[in-house]
C-alpha atoms as a PDB file:
ATOM      1  CA  PHE A   1       0.032   0.035   0.027  1.00  0.00           C
ATOM      2  CA  LYS A   2       2.871   2.405   0.845  1.00  0.00           C
ATOM      3  CA  ARG A   3       4.451   1.756  -2.618  1.00  0.00           C
ATOM      4  CA  GLU A   4       1.184   2.668  -4.343  1.00  0.00           C
ATOM      5  CA  GLU A   5       0.697   5.737  -2.267  1.00  0.00           C
ATOM      6  CA  ILE A   6       4.338   6.905  -3.109  1.00  0.00           C
ATOM      7  CA  LYS A   7       3.716   6.268  -6.797  1.00  0.00           C
ATOM      8  CA  ILE A   8       0.334   8.192  -6.651  1.00  0.00           C
ATOM      9  CA  GLN A   9       2.237  11.164  -4.756  1.00  0.00           C
ATOM     10  CA  ALA A  10       4.966  11.147  -7.397  1.00  0.00           C
ATOM     11  CA  TRP A  11       2.469  11.213 -10.275  1.00  0.00           C
ATOM     12  CA  GLU A  12       0.550  13.963  -8.517  1.00  0.00           C
ATOM     13  CA  SER A  13       3.617  15.894  -8.013  1.00  0.00           C
ATOM     14  CA  GLN A  14       4.669  15.425 -11.746  1.00  0.00           C
ATOM     15  CA  GLN A  15       1.160  16.618 -12.937  1.00  0.00           C
ATOM     16  CA  LYS A  16       1.352  19.604 -10.607  1.00  0.00           C
ATOM     17  CA  ALA A  17       4.828  20.587 -11.849  1.00  0.00           C
ATOM     18  CA  LYS A  18       3.605  20.220 -15.483  1.00  0.00           C
ATOM     19  CA  LEU A  19       0.457  22.353 -14.841  1.00  0.00           C
ATOM     20  CA  GLU A  20       2.681  25.019 -13.028  1.00  0.00           C
ATOM     21  CA  ALA A  21       5.055  25.078 -15.865  1.00  0.00           C
ATOM     22  CA  GLU A  22       2.205  25.451 -18.390  1.00  0.00           C
ATOM     23  CA  MET A  23       0.746  28.216 -16.245  1.00  0.00           C
ATOM     24  CA  ARG A  24       4.149  30.092 -16.224  1.00  0.00           C
ATOM     25  CA  ARG A  25       4.277  29.826 -19.999  1.00  0.00           C
ATOM     26  CA  THR A  26       0.838  31.060 -20.400  1.00  0.00           C
ATOM     27  CA  GLU A  27       1.485  34.044 -18.020  1.00  0.00           C
ATOM     28  CA  ALA A  28       4.723  34.832 -19.977  1.00  0.00           C
ATOM     29  CA  LYS A  29       2.683  34.889 -23.233  1.00  0.00           C
ATOM     30  CA  VAL A  30       0.015  37.156 -21.569  1.00  0.00           C
ATOM     31  CA  GLU A  31       2.735  39.570 -20.376  1.00  0.00           C
ATOM     32  CA  GLN A  32       4.362  39.538 -23.872  1.00  0.00           C
ATOM     33  CA  MET A  33       0.976  40.274 -25.549  1.00  0.00           C
ATOM     34  CA  ARG A  34       0.333  42.973 -22.975  1.00  0.00           C
ATOM     35  CA  ALA A  35       3.634  44.671 -23.626  1.00  0.00           C
ATOM     36  CA  GLN A  36       3.102  44.353 -27.520  1.00  0.00           C
ATOM     37  CA  THR A  37      -0.299  45.844 -27.175  1.00  0.00           C
ATOM     38  CA  HIS A  38       1.025  48.760 -25.156  1.00  0.00           C
ATOM     39  CA  ALA A  39       3.735  49.425 -27.607  1.00  0.00           C
ATOM     40  CA  LYS A  40       1.167  49.436 -30.388  1.00  0.00           C
ATOM     41  CA  MET A  41      -1.088  51.823 -28.489  1.00  0.00           C
ATOM     42  CA  VAL A  42       1.923  54.170 -27.802  1.00  0.00           C
ATOM     43  CA  LYS A  43       2.784  54.127 -31.458  1.00  0.00           C
ATOM     44  CA  LYS A  44      -0.791  54.986 -32.404  1.00  0.00           C
ATOM     45  CA  ILE A  45      -0.975  57.826 -29.934  1.00  0.00           C
ATOM     46  CA  ALA A  46       2.247  59.196 -31.313  1.00  0.00           C
ATOM     47  CA  MET A  47       0.897  58.986 -34.838  1.00  0.00           C
ATOM     48  CA  ALA A  48      -2.254  60.709 -33.890  1.00  0.00           C
ATOM     49  CA  ARG A  49      -0.316  63.508 -32.170  1.00  0.00           C
ATOM     50  CA  GLN A  50       1.793  63.930 -35.282  1.00  0.00           C
ATOM     51  CA  ARG A  51      -1.213  64.081 -37.454  1.00  0.00           C
ATOM     52  CA  SER A  52      -2.798  66.592 -35.134  1.00  0.00           C
ATOM     53  CA  GLU A  53       0.338  68.815 -35.220  1.00  0.00           C
ATOM     54  CA  GLU A  54       0.412  68.608 -39.007  1.00  0.00           C
ATOM     55  CA  LYS A  55      -3.322  69.576 -39.291  1.00  0.00           C
ATOM     56  CA  ARG A  56      -2.558  72.501 -36.910  1.00  0.00           C
ATOM     57  CA  ALA A  57       0.336  73.646 -38.994  1.00  0.00           C
ATOM     58  CA  GLU A  58      -1.866  73.270 -42.138  1.00  0.00           C
ATOM     59  CA  ALA A  59      -4.582  75.391 -40.459  1.00  0.00           C
ATOM     60  CA  GLU A  60      -1.980  77.946 -39.379  1.00  0.00           C
ATOM     61  CA  ALA A  61      -0.638  78.259 -42.887  1.00  0.00           C
ATOM     62  CA  ARG A  62      -4.072  78.606 -44.450  1.00  0.00           C
ATOM     63  CA  LYS A  63      -4.883  81.350 -41.958  1.00  0.00           C
ATOM     64  CA  ASN A  64      -1.581  83.053 -42.724  1.00  0.00           C
ATOM     65  CA  ARG A  65      -2.272  82.830 -46.535  1.00  0.00           C
ATOM     66  CA  GLU A  66      -5.784  84.207 -46.104  1.00  0.00           C
ATOM     67  CA  ALA A  67      -4.406  87.084 -43.887  1.00  0.00           C
ATOM     68  CA  GLU A  68      -1.742  87.920 -46.503  1.00  0.00           C
ATOM     69  CA  ARG A  69      -4.325  87.827 -49.292  1.00  0.00           C
ATOM     70  CA  THR A  70      -6.750  90.126 -47.368  1.00  0.00           C
ATOM     71  CA  ALA A  71      -3.902  92.548 -46.574  1.00  0.00           C
ATOM     72  CA  ALA A  72      -2.922  92.698 -50.190  1.00  0.00           C
ATOM     73  CA  GLN A  73      -6.517  93.440 -51.191  1.00  0.00           C
ATOM     74  CA  ALA A  74      -6.754  96.039 -48.555  1.00  0.00           C
ATOM     75  CA  GLU A  75      -3.520  97.643 -49.862  1.00  0.00           C
ATOM     76  CA  TYR A  76      -4.800  97.538 -53.371  1.00  0.00           C
ATOM     77  CA  ILE A  77      -8.045  99.086 -52.373  1.00  0.00           C
ATOM     78  CA  ARG A  78      -6.217 101.857 -50.491  1.00  0.00           C
ATOM     79  CA  GLN A  79      -3.872 102.617 -53.473  1.00  0.00           C
ATOM     80  CA  THR A  80      -6.505 102.500 -56.253  1.00  0.00           C
ATOM     81  CA  GLY A  81      -9.616 103.216 -54.472  1.00  0.00           C
ATOM     82  CA  LYS A  82     -11.313 100.415 -56.446  1.00  0.00           C
ATOM     83  CA  MET A  83     -12.449  96.968 -55.512  1.00  0.00           C
ATOM     84  CA  PRO A  84     -10.192  94.288 -56.998  1.00  0.00           C
ATOM     85  CA  TYR A  85     -11.747  92.268 -59.953  1.00  0.00           C
ATOM     86  CA  SER A  86     -13.202  89.042 -58.788  1.00  0.00           C
ATOM     87  CA  ASN A  87     -14.270  85.910 -60.736  1.00  0.00           C
ATOM     88  CA  TYR A  88     -17.985  86.535 -60.165  1.00  0.00           C
ATOM     89  CA  ILE A  89     -19.529  89.079 -62.568  1.00  0.00           C
ATOM     90  CA  ILE A  90     -22.368  90.907 -60.849  1.00  0.00           C
ATOM     91  CA  CYS A  91     -24.548  92.783 -63.102  1.00  0.00           C
ATOM     92  CA  CYS A  92     -28.055  94.091 -62.520  1.00  0.00           C
ATOM     93  CA  GLY A  93     -28.440  91.685 -59.506  1.00  0.00           C
ATOM     94  CA  TRP A  94     -27.491  88.532 -61.485  1.00  0.00           C
ATOM     95  CA  LEU A  95     -25.018  86.227 -60.083  1.00  0.00           C
END
């Protein structure tokens, strides 16, 4: 009976060690996946920040161009006293 009990305990210990090793491997995989996901999220956040900076720069450039154009038109009006020619022909209320 003692021999059988020792065999059973050895088998139980072996199974327990197997399962613990498998659990450690699984935990390592989960940790690796978590790290990869975190890295992806950091990269996406950086890309979003870069895009938003580009969009801000474009908006600022557009605003500056509009300001320059408006200033040029104002200067033209001051010099000539006339409105600059536009692409739209307004005659007798027709557009």
